[in-house]
Amino acid sequence: MAESSLYSLDNEVFRVYLTYAVVLVLKMFFIAFYTSFVRITKKVYANKEDFGIGYPEEKAKERISKGNDRVERVRRCHLNDLENIPVFLVIGLLYVAINPVASTAILHYRIFTAARFIHNVAYLLPLPQPCRALGFTTGVLVTASMGIQILRAAAQF
């Protein structure tokens, strides 16, 4: 495949990357909205003004500082996505440039995406460890694998 077509829809690796990238971004949006939903249903807000007009200020301060385990769990799950998925998106896009074997690239993309879903489910239910740790570690290892392959390819030039 010519280098000029690596980032076109004619390239299966790029097409699959786009698919999994969008799935992951939509999943992050879902978790962001779910975080808001949990905050609202538990009446635990991040900011005083989120309580609305007429809510006593002392109650607002109490609810903000009090926290809630469920809210914090969902919030940490979302933060973990924000720490891991953007890195994967960059590395995954750079991975396309080295023109990897399609089956290998697709496997990387699928495993990372599955690992993030496993991590989220394990975090939100919660499931016992090492479920969450395995999801996290698998995602990191997949991203590292692609990164190492990119560095190897770049070193050959």
N, C-alpha and C. Protein backbone atom coordinates (compact mmCIF):
# COMPACT_ATOMS: atom_id res chain seq x y z
N MET A 1 0.85 -1.18 0.00
CA MET A 1 0.00 0.00 0.00
C MET A 1 0.89 1.24 0.00
N ALA A 2 0.59 2.13 -0.88
CA ALA A 2 1.37 3.37 -0.98
C ALA A 2 1.16 4.21 0.28
N GLU A 3 2.22 4.91 0.69
CA GLU A 3 2.15 5.71 1.92
C GLU A 3 1.07 6.78 1.85
N SER A 4 0.81 7.31 0.68
CA SER A 4 -0.18 8.38 0.56
C SER A 4 -1.59 7.89 0.88
N SER A 5 -1.82 6.59 0.82
CA SER A 5 -3.17 6.09 1.08
C SER A 5 -3.31 5.47 2.47
N LEU A 6 -2.28 5.58 3.32
CA LEU A 6 -2.37 5.00 4.66
C LEU A 6 -3.50 5.61 5.48
N TYR A 7 -3.74 6.90 5.30
CA TYR A 7 -4.78 7.59 6.06
C TYR A 7 -6.02 7.85 5.21
N SER A 8 -6.40 6.84 4.45
CA SER A 8 -7.63 6.93 3.66
C SER A 8 -8.52 5.75 4.05
N LEU A 9 -9.77 5.85 3.68
CA LEU A 9 -10.70 4.78 4.00
C LEU A 9 -10.45 3.52 3.17
N ASP A 10 -9.53 3.61 2.22
CA ASP A 10 -9.13 2.43 1.46
C ASP A 10 -8.24 1.51 2.29
N ASN A 11 -7.62 2.07 3.33
CA ASN A 11 -6.73 1.31 4.21
C ASN A 11 -7.56 0.69 5.33
N GLU A 12 -7.61 -0.62 5.37
CA GLU A 12 -8.40 -1.34 6.38
C GLU A 12 -7.97 -0.98 7.80
N VAL A 13 -6.66 -0.86 8.02
CA VAL A 13 -6.16 -0.53 9.37
C VAL A 13 -6.69 0.84 9.81
N PHE A 14 -6.64 1.82 8.92
CA PHE A 14 -7.13 3.16 9.27
C PHE A 14 -8.63 3.14 9.51
N ARG A 15 -9.36 2.41 8.68
CA ARG A 15 -10.82 2.31 8.83
C ARG A 15 -11.18 1.69 10.18
N VAL A 16 -10.48 0.62 10.54
CA VAL A 16 -10.75 -0.04 11.82
C VAL A 16 -10.34 0.87 12.98
N TYR A 17 -9.20 1.56 12.83
CA TYR A 17 -8.79 2.53 13.86
C TYR A 17 -9.89 3.56 14.08
N LEU A 18 -10.42 4.12 13.00
CA LEU A 18 -11.48 5.12 13.12
C LEU A 18 -12.69 4.57 13.87
N THR A 19 -13.05 3.35 13.56
CA THR A 19 -14.20 2.72 14.21
C THR A 19 -13.99 2.61 15.71
N TYR A 20 -12.86 2.04 16.11
CA TYR A 20 -12.61 1.86 17.55
C TYR A 20 -12.35 3.18 18.25
N ALA A 21 -11.75 4.13 17.56
CA ALA A 21 -11.54 5.45 18.16
C ALA A 21 -12.87 6.11 18.48
N VAL A 22 -13.81 6.05 17.57
CA VAL A 22 -15.13 6.65 17.79
C VAL A 22 -15.88 5.90 18.90
N VAL A 23 -15.80 4.59 18.93
CA VAL A 23 -16.44 3.81 20.00
C VAL A 23 -15.89 4.24 21.36
N LEU A 24 -14.57 4.40 21.45
CA LEU A 24 -13.95 4.80 22.72
C LEU A 24 -14.34 6.22 23.14
N VAL A 25 -14.38 7.13 22.19
CA VAL A 25 -14.76 8.51 22.50
C VAL A 25 -16.23 8.55 22.94
N LEU A 26 -17.10 7.83 22.25
CA LEU A 26 -18.51 7.79 22.65
C LEU A 26 -18.67 7.17 24.04
N LYS A 27 -17.85 6.16 24.34
CA LYS A 27 -17.88 5.55 25.67
C LYS A 27 -17.46 6.56 26.73
N MET A 28 -16.46 7.37 26.43
CA MET A 28 -16.03 8.42 27.36
C MET A 28 -17.16 9.43 27.58
N PHE A 29 -17.86 9.81 26.53
CA PHE A 29 -19.00 10.71 26.67
C PHE A 29 -20.08 10.09 27.56
N PHE A 30 -20.35 8.82 27.33
CA PHE A 30 -21.35 8.13 28.14
C PHE A 30 -20.96 8.18 29.62
N ILE A 31 -19.71 7.88 29.93
CA ILE A 31 -19.25 7.89 31.32
C ILE A 31 -19.33 9.31 31.89
N ALA A 32 -19.04 10.32 31.08
CA ALA A 32 -19.15 11.70 31.54
C ALA A 32 -20.60 12.03 31.91
N PHE A 33 -21.54 11.66 31.05
CA PHE A 33 -22.94 11.91 31.36
C PHE A 33 -23.42 11.05 32.52
N TYR A 34 -22.90 9.84 32.62
CA TYR A 34 -23.27 8.97 33.74
C TYR A 34 -22.77 9.57 35.06
N THR A 35 -21.60 10.18 35.02
CA THR A 35 -21.07 10.86 36.21
C THR A 35 -22.03 11.95 36.65
N SER A 36 -22.50 12.75 35.71
CA SER A 36 -23.47 13.80 36.04
C SER A 36 -24.76 13.21 36.58
N PHE A 37 -25.23 12.15 35.97
CA PHE A 37 -26.45 11.50 36.41
C PHE A 37 -26.32 11.02 37.86
N VAL A 38 -25.21 10.38 38.18
CA VAL A 38 -24.99 9.88 39.54
C VAL A 38 -24.89 11.04 40.52
N ARG A 39 -24.19 12.10 40.14
CA ARG A 39 -24.11 13.29 41.00
C ARG A 39 -25.50 13.84 41.31
N ILE A 40 -26.32 13.95 40.28
CA ILE A 40 -27.67 14.51 40.45
C ILE A 40 -28.53 13.60 41.32
N THR A 41 -28.52 12.30 41.03
CA THR A 41 -29.37 11.39 41.80
C THR A 41 -28.91 11.25 43.24
N LYS A 42 -27.63 11.40 43.50
CA LYS A 42 -27.10 11.32 44.88
C LYS A 42 -27.06 12.70 45.54
N LYS A 43 -27.38 13.73 44.77
CA LYS A 43 -27.36 15.11 45.25
C LYS A 43 -25.99 15.48 45.83
N VAL A 44 -24.97 15.08 45.11
CA VAL A 44 -23.59 15.43 45.47
C VAL A 44 -23.00 16.14 44.27
N TYR A 45 -22.71 17.43 44.44
CA TYR A 45 -22.30 18.26 43.33
C TYR A 45 -20.86 18.72 43.49
N ALA A 46 -20.27 19.09 42.40
CA ALA A 46 -18.88 19.55 42.41
C ALA A 46 -18.78 21.02 42.81
N ASN A 47 -19.83 21.79 42.53
CA ASN A 47 -19.80 23.23 42.76
C ASN A 47 -21.09 23.70 43.43
N LYS A 48 -20.97 24.73 44.24
CA LYS A 48 -22.11 25.27 44.97
C LYS A 48 -23.24 25.69 44.03
N GLU A 49 -22.88 26.31 42.91
CA GLU A 49 -23.91 26.81 42.00
C GLU A 49 -24.70 25.70 41.31
N ASP A 50 -24.21 24.47 41.37
CA ASP A 50 -24.91 23.36 40.75
C ASP A 50 -26.18 22.96 41.49
N PHE A 51 -26.35 23.44 42.72
CA PHE A 51 -27.52 23.09 43.51
C PHE A 51 -28.78 23.78 43.03
N GLY A 52 -28.66 24.93 42.46
CA GLY A 52 -29.83 25.64 41.97
C GLY A 52 -30.25 26.75 42.91
N ILE A 53 -31.17 27.54 42.43
CA ILE A 53 -31.64 28.71 43.17
C ILE A 53 -32.43 28.27 44.40
N GLY A 54 -32.19 28.96 45.51
CA GLY A 54 -32.96 28.73 46.72
C GLY A 54 -32.43 27.62 47.61
N TYR A 55 -31.37 26.94 47.21
CA TYR A 55 -30.83 25.87 48.07
C TYR A 55 -29.97 26.53 49.14
N PRO A 56 -30.20 26.23 50.40
CA PRO A 56 -29.44 26.88 51.47
C PRO A 56 -27.93 26.67 51.31
N GLU A 57 -27.18 27.77 51.43
CA GLU A 57 -25.74 27.72 51.21
C GLU A 57 -25.04 26.73 52.13
N GLU A 58 -25.46 26.64 53.38
CA GLU A 58 -24.80 25.71 54.31
C GLU A 58 -25.03 24.26 53.89
N LYS A 59 -26.20 23.98 53.32
CA LYS A 59 -26.46 22.62 52.82
C LYS A 59 -25.61 22.34 51.58
N ALA A 60 -25.44 23.32 50.74
CA ALA A 60 -24.62 23.16 49.55
C ALA A 60 -23.19 22.84 49.94
N LYS A 61 -22.64 23.60 50.90
CA LYS A 61 -21.26 23.35 51.35
C LYS A 61 -21.13 21.95 51.93
N GLU A 62 -22.12 21.52 52.68
CA GLU A 62 -22.10 20.19 53.29
C GLU A 62 -22.07 19.10 52.22
N ARG A 63 -22.91 19.24 51.20
CA ARG A 63 -23.00 18.24 50.15
C ARG A 63 -21.75 18.23 49.26
N ILE A 64 -21.15 19.37 49.06
CA ILE A 64 -19.94 19.43 48.24
C ILE A 64 -18.78 18.78 48.97
N SER A 65 -18.59 19.12 50.23
CA SER A 65 -17.44 18.60 50.96
C SER A 65 -17.64 17.16 51.41
N LYS A 66 -18.89 16.74 51.57
CA LYS A 66 -19.19 15.40 52.07
C LYS A 66 -18.72 14.31 51.12
N GLY A 67 -19.00 14.49 49.85
CA GLY A 67 -18.65 13.47 48.88
C GLY A 67 -19.58 12.27 48.97
N ASN A 68 -19.36 11.32 48.11
CA ASN A 68 -20.18 10.12 48.06
C ASN A 68 -19.36 9.05 47.36
N ASP A 69 -19.32 7.86 47.94
CA ASP A 69 -18.49 6.79 47.38
C ASP A 69 -18.87 6.46 45.94
N ARG A 70 -20.17 6.40 45.66
CA ARG A 70 -20.64 6.07 44.31
C ARG A 70 -20.22 7.15 43.31
N VAL A 71 -20.41 8.39 43.70
CA VAL A 71 -20.02 9.50 42.83
C VAL A 71 -18.52 9.48 42.59
N GLU A 72 -17.75 9.27 43.64
CA GLU A 72 -16.29 9.26 43.50
C GLU A 72 -15.82 8.09 42.64
N ARG A 73 -16.48 6.95 42.75
CA ARG A 73 -16.12 5.78 41.94
C ARG A 73 -16.34 6.07 40.46
N VAL A 74 -17.49 6.63 40.12
CA VAL A 74 -17.79 6.95 38.72
C VAL A 74 -16.84 8.03 38.22
N ARG A 75 -16.57 9.02 39.06
CA ARG A 75 -15.67 10.10 38.68
C ARG A 75 -14.25 9.57 38.42
N ARG A 76 -13.78 8.68 39.28
CA ARG A 76 -12.43 8.10 39.08
C ARG A 76 -12.38 7.23 37.84
N CYS A 77 -13.47 6.53 37.55
CA CYS A 77 -13.56 5.73 36.32
C CYS A 77 -13.41 6.63 35.10
N HIS A 78 -14.12 7.76 35.11
CA HIS A 78 -14.05 8.71 34.01
C HIS A 78 -12.64 9.31 33.90
N LEU A 79 -12.05 9.67 35.02
CA LEU A 79 -10.69 10.22 35.00
C LEU A 79 -9.70 9.21 34.43
N ASN A 80 -9.88 7.94 34.77
CA ASN A 80 -8.99 6.92 34.24
C ASN A 80 -9.12 6.81 32.73
N ASP A 81 -10.34 6.91 32.21
CA ASP A 81 -10.53 6.95 30.75
C ASP A 81 -9.80 8.14 30.15
N LEU A 82 -9.93 9.31 30.80
CA LEU A 82 -9.29 10.52 30.29
C LEU A 82 -7.77 10.43 30.31
N GLU A 83 -7.22 9.59 31.17
CA GLU A 83 -5.77 9.40 31.25
C GLU A 83 -5.26 8.39 30.23
N ASN A 84 -6.11 7.45 29.81
CA ASN A 84 -5.65 6.35 28.97
C ASN A 84 -6.11 6.41 27.53
N ILE A 85 -7.35 6.78 27.29
CA ILE A 85 -7.87 6.74 25.92
C ILE A 85 -7.21 7.75 25.00
N PRO A 86 -6.99 9.01 25.41
CA PRO A 86 -6.30 9.93 24.49
C PRO A 86 -4.91 9.46 24.08
N VAL A 87 -4.19 8.83 25.00
CA VAL A 87 -2.86 8.30 24.67
C VAL A 87 -3.01 7.21 23.60
N PHE A 88 -3.98 6.32 23.79
CA PHE A 88 -4.23 5.28 22.80
C PHE A 88 -4.60 5.89 21.45
N LEU A 89 -5.43 6.93 21.45
CA LEU A 89 -5.85 7.55 20.19
C LEU A 89 -4.66 8.09 19.41
N VAL A 90 -3.72 8.71 20.10
CA VAL A 90 -2.53 9.25 19.44
C VAL A 90 -1.64 8.11 18.94
N ILE A 91 -1.32 7.18 19.84
CA ILE A 91 -0.44 6.06 19.46
C ILE A 91 -1.09 5.21 18.36
N GLY A 92 -2.39 4.97 18.48
CA GLY A 92 -3.10 4.17 17.47
C GLY A 92 -3.07 4.82 16.10
N LEU A 93 -3.19 6.15 16.07
CA LEU A 93 -3.13 6.87 14.80
C LEU A 93 -1.72 6.83 14.22
N LEU A 94 -0.71 7.01 15.08
CA LEU A 94 0.68 6.91 14.62
C LEU A 94 0.99 5.50 14.13
N TYR A 95 0.38 4.51 14.75
CA TYR A 95 0.59 3.11 14.38
C TYR A 95 0.19 2.86 12.93
N VAL A 96 -0.85 3.53 12.48
CA VAL A 96 -1.28 3.40 11.09
C VAL A 96 -0.14 3.76 10.14
N ALA A 97 0.67 4.76 10.51
CA ALA A 97 1.75 5.26 9.65
C ALA A 97 2.82 4.23 9.36
N ILE A 98 2.99 3.23 10.24
CA ILE A 98 4.04 2.23 9.99
C ILE A 98 3.53 1.09 9.12
N ASN A 99 2.25 1.20 8.69
CA ASN A 99 1.64 0.21 7.81
C ASN A 99 1.75 -1.21 8.40
N PRO A 100 1.19 -1.41 9.59
CA PRO A 100 1.29 -2.73 10.22
C PRO A 100 0.44 -3.76 9.50
N VAL A 101 0.70 -5.01 9.78
CA VAL A 101 -0.14 -6.09 9.26
C VAL A 101 -1.56 -5.84 9.80
N ALA A 102 -2.52 -5.89 8.92
CA ALA A 102 -3.89 -5.53 9.30
C ALA A 102 -4.40 -6.37 10.47
N SER A 103 -4.19 -7.66 10.44
CA SER A 103 -4.71 -8.52 11.51
C SER A 103 -4.09 -8.18 12.86
N THR A 104 -2.82 -7.80 12.86
CA THR A 104 -2.13 -7.42 14.10
C THR A 104 -2.68 -6.09 14.62
N ALA A 105 -2.84 -5.13 13.74
CA ALA A 105 -3.36 -3.82 14.15
C ALA A 105 -4.79 -3.95 14.67
N ILE A 106 -5.61 -4.70 13.97
CA ILE A 106 -7.00 -4.88 14.38
C ILE A 106 -7.06 -5.54 15.75
N LEU A 107 -6.20 -6.51 15.97
CA LEU A 107 -6.15 -7.17 17.28
C LEU A 107 -5.77 -6.18 18.38
N HIS A 108 -4.80 -5.32 18.12
CA HIS A 108 -4.42 -4.28 19.10
C HIS A 108 -5.62 -3.39 19.42
N TYR A 109 -6.30 -2.91 18.39
CA TYR A 109 -7.42 -2.00 18.59
C TYR A 109 -8.57 -2.68 19.35
N ARG A 110 -8.86 -3.92 18.99
CA ARG A 110 -9.95 -4.65 19.65
C ARG A 110 -9.62 -4.94 21.12
N ILE A 111 -8.41 -5.39 21.36
CA ILE A 111 -8.03 -5.73 22.73
C ILE A 111 -8.06 -4.48 23.61
N PHE A 112 -7.52 -3.37 23.12
CA PHE A 112 -7.53 -2.15 23.92
C PHE A 112 -8.96 -1.74 24.25
N THR A 113 -9.82 -1.75 23.25
CA THR A 113 -11.22 -1.34 23.46
C THR A 113 -11.90 -2.27 24.44
N ALA A 114 -11.74 -3.55 24.29
CA ALA A 114 -12.33 -4.51 25.22
C ALA A 114 -11.79 -4.30 26.63
N ALA A 115 -10.49 -4.04 26.74
CA ALA A 115 -9.87 -3.82 28.05
C ALA A 115 -10.47 -2.60 28.74
N ARG A 116 -10.73 -1.53 27.98
CA ARG A 116 -11.33 -0.33 28.58
C ARG A 116 -12.76 -0.59 29.04
N PHE A 117 -13.51 -1.37 28.28
CA PHE A 117 -14.87 -1.71 28.70
C PHE A 117 -14.83 -2.59 29.95
N ILE A 118 -13.92 -3.55 29.97
CA ILE A 118 -13.77 -4.40 31.16
C ILE A 118 -13.39 -3.56 32.36
N HIS A 119 -12.45 -2.64 32.18
CA HIS A 119 -12.03 -1.76 33.27
C HIS A 119 -13.22 -0.97 33.80
N ASN A 120 -14.02 -0.39 32.90
CA ASN A 120 -15.17 0.41 33.33
C ASN A 120 -16.20 -0.43 34.08
N VAL A 121 -16.52 -1.60 33.55
CA VAL A 121 -17.50 -2.46 34.21
C VAL A 121 -16.99 -2.87 35.60
N ALA A 122 -15.71 -3.26 35.66
CA ALA A 122 -15.13 -3.66 36.94
C ALA A 122 -15.12 -2.51 37.93
N TYR A 123 -14.91 -1.30 37.44
CA TYR A 123 -14.89 -0.13 38.32
C TYR A 123 -16.29 0.22 38.81
N LEU A 124 -17.26 0.19 37.91
CA LEU A 124 -18.59 0.67 38.24
C LEU A 124 -19.45 -0.32 39.03
N LEU A 125 -19.22 -1.62 38.88
CA LEU A 125 -20.10 -2.57 39.57
C LEU A 125 -19.92 -2.60 41.09
N PRO A 126 -18.89 -2.62 41.74
CA PRO A 126 -17.51 -2.97 41.41
C PRO A 126 -17.30 -4.49 41.44
N LEU A 127 -16.37 -4.95 40.62
CA LEU A 127 -15.96 -6.35 40.63
C LEU A 127 -14.69 -6.46 41.48
N PRO A 128 -14.44 -7.64 42.04
CA PRO A 128 -13.24 -7.78 42.88
C PRO A 128 -11.97 -7.67 42.04
N GLN A 129 -10.92 -7.20 42.68
CA GLN A 129 -9.61 -7.20 42.02
C GLN A 129 -9.20 -8.65 41.83
N PRO A 130 -8.49 -9.00 40.80
CA PRO A 130 -7.75 -8.12 39.90
C PRO A 130 -8.50 -7.75 38.61
N CYS A 131 -9.81 -7.82 38.58
CA CYS A 131 -10.56 -7.52 37.35
C CYS A 131 -10.21 -6.16 36.77
N ARG A 132 -10.34 -5.13 37.61
CA ARG A 132 -10.06 -3.77 37.13
C ARG A 132 -8.60 -3.62 36.75
N ALA A 133 -7.71 -4.16 37.56
CA ALA A 133 -6.28 -4.07 37.28
C ALA A 133 -5.92 -4.76 35.97
N LEU A 134 -6.55 -5.88 35.69
CA LEU A 134 -6.28 -6.59 34.43
C LEU A 134 -6.74 -5.77 33.23
N GLY A 135 -7.91 -5.15 33.34
CA GLY A 135 -8.38 -4.29 32.26
C GLY A 135 -7.43 -3.14 32.01
N PHE A 136 -7.02 -2.48 33.10
CA PHE A 136 -6.09 -1.35 32.99
C PHE A 136 -4.75 -1.80 32.39
N THR A 137 -4.17 -2.85 32.96
CA THR A 137 -2.85 -3.31 32.53
C THR A 137 -2.86 -3.78 31.09
N THR A 138 -3.91 -4.47 30.69
CA THR A 138 -4.01 -4.93 29.31
C THR A 138 -4.01 -3.75 28.35
N GLY A 139 -4.77 -2.72 28.67
CA GLY A 139 -4.81 -1.53 27.82
C GLY A 139 -3.46 -0.86 27.70
N VAL A 140 -2.77 -0.74 28.83
CA VAL A 140 -1.44 -0.12 28.83
C VAL A 140 -0.46 -0.95 28.01
N LEU A 141 -0.50 -2.27 28.16
CA LEU A 141 0.41 -3.13 27.41
C LEU A 141 0.16 -3.07 25.91
N VAL A 142 -1.10 -2.99 25.52
CA VAL A 142 -1.43 -2.88 24.09
C VAL A 142 -0.88 -1.56 23.53
N THR A 143 -1.08 -0.48 24.27
CA THR A 143 -0.58 0.82 23.82
C THR A 143 0.95 0.80 23.75
N ALA A 144 1.58 0.21 24.75
CA ALA A 144 3.04 0.10 24.76
C ALA A 144 3.54 -0.74 23.59
N SER A 145 2.84 -1.82 23.28
CA SER A 145 3.22 -2.68 22.15
C SER A 145 3.22 -1.88 20.85
N MET A 146 2.17 -1.10 20.63
CA MET A 146 2.12 -0.29 19.42
C MET A 146 3.23 0.76 19.44
N GLY A 147 3.46 1.38 20.59
CA GLY A 147 4.51 2.39 20.71
C GLY A 147 5.88 1.83 20.39
N ILE A 148 6.16 0.64 20.90
CA ILE A 148 7.46 0.00 20.63
C ILE A 148 7.61 -0.29 19.15
N GLN A 149 6.55 -0.76 18.51
CA GLN A 149 6.61 -1.04 17.08
C GLN A 149 6.84 0.24 16.27
N ILE A 150 6.24 1.34 16.71
CA ILE A 150 6.44 2.62 16.04
C ILE A 150 7.89 3.05 16.18
N LEU A 151 8.45 2.93 17.39
CA LEU A 151 9.85 3.30 17.60
C LEU A 151 10.80 2.44 16.77
N ARG A 152 10.53 1.16 16.69
CA ARG A 152 11.35 0.26 15.86
C ARG A 152 11.32 0.68 14.39
N ALA A 153 10.12 0.96 13.91
CA ALA A 153 9.96 1.37 12.50
C ALA A 153 10.68 2.68 12.25
N ALA A 154 10.56 3.61 13.19
CA ALA A 154 11.21 4.92 13.03
C ALA A 154 12.72 4.80 13.08
N ALA A 155 13.25 3.87 13.86
CA ALA A 155 14.69 3.69 13.98
C ALA A 155 15.30 3.12 12.71
N GLN A 156 14.51 2.53 11.85
CA GLN A 156 15.03 1.94 10.61
C GLN A 156 15.29 2.99 9.54
N PHE A 157 14.82 4.21 9.75
CA PHE A 157 15.01 5.26 8.73
C PHE A 157 16.24 6.05 8.98
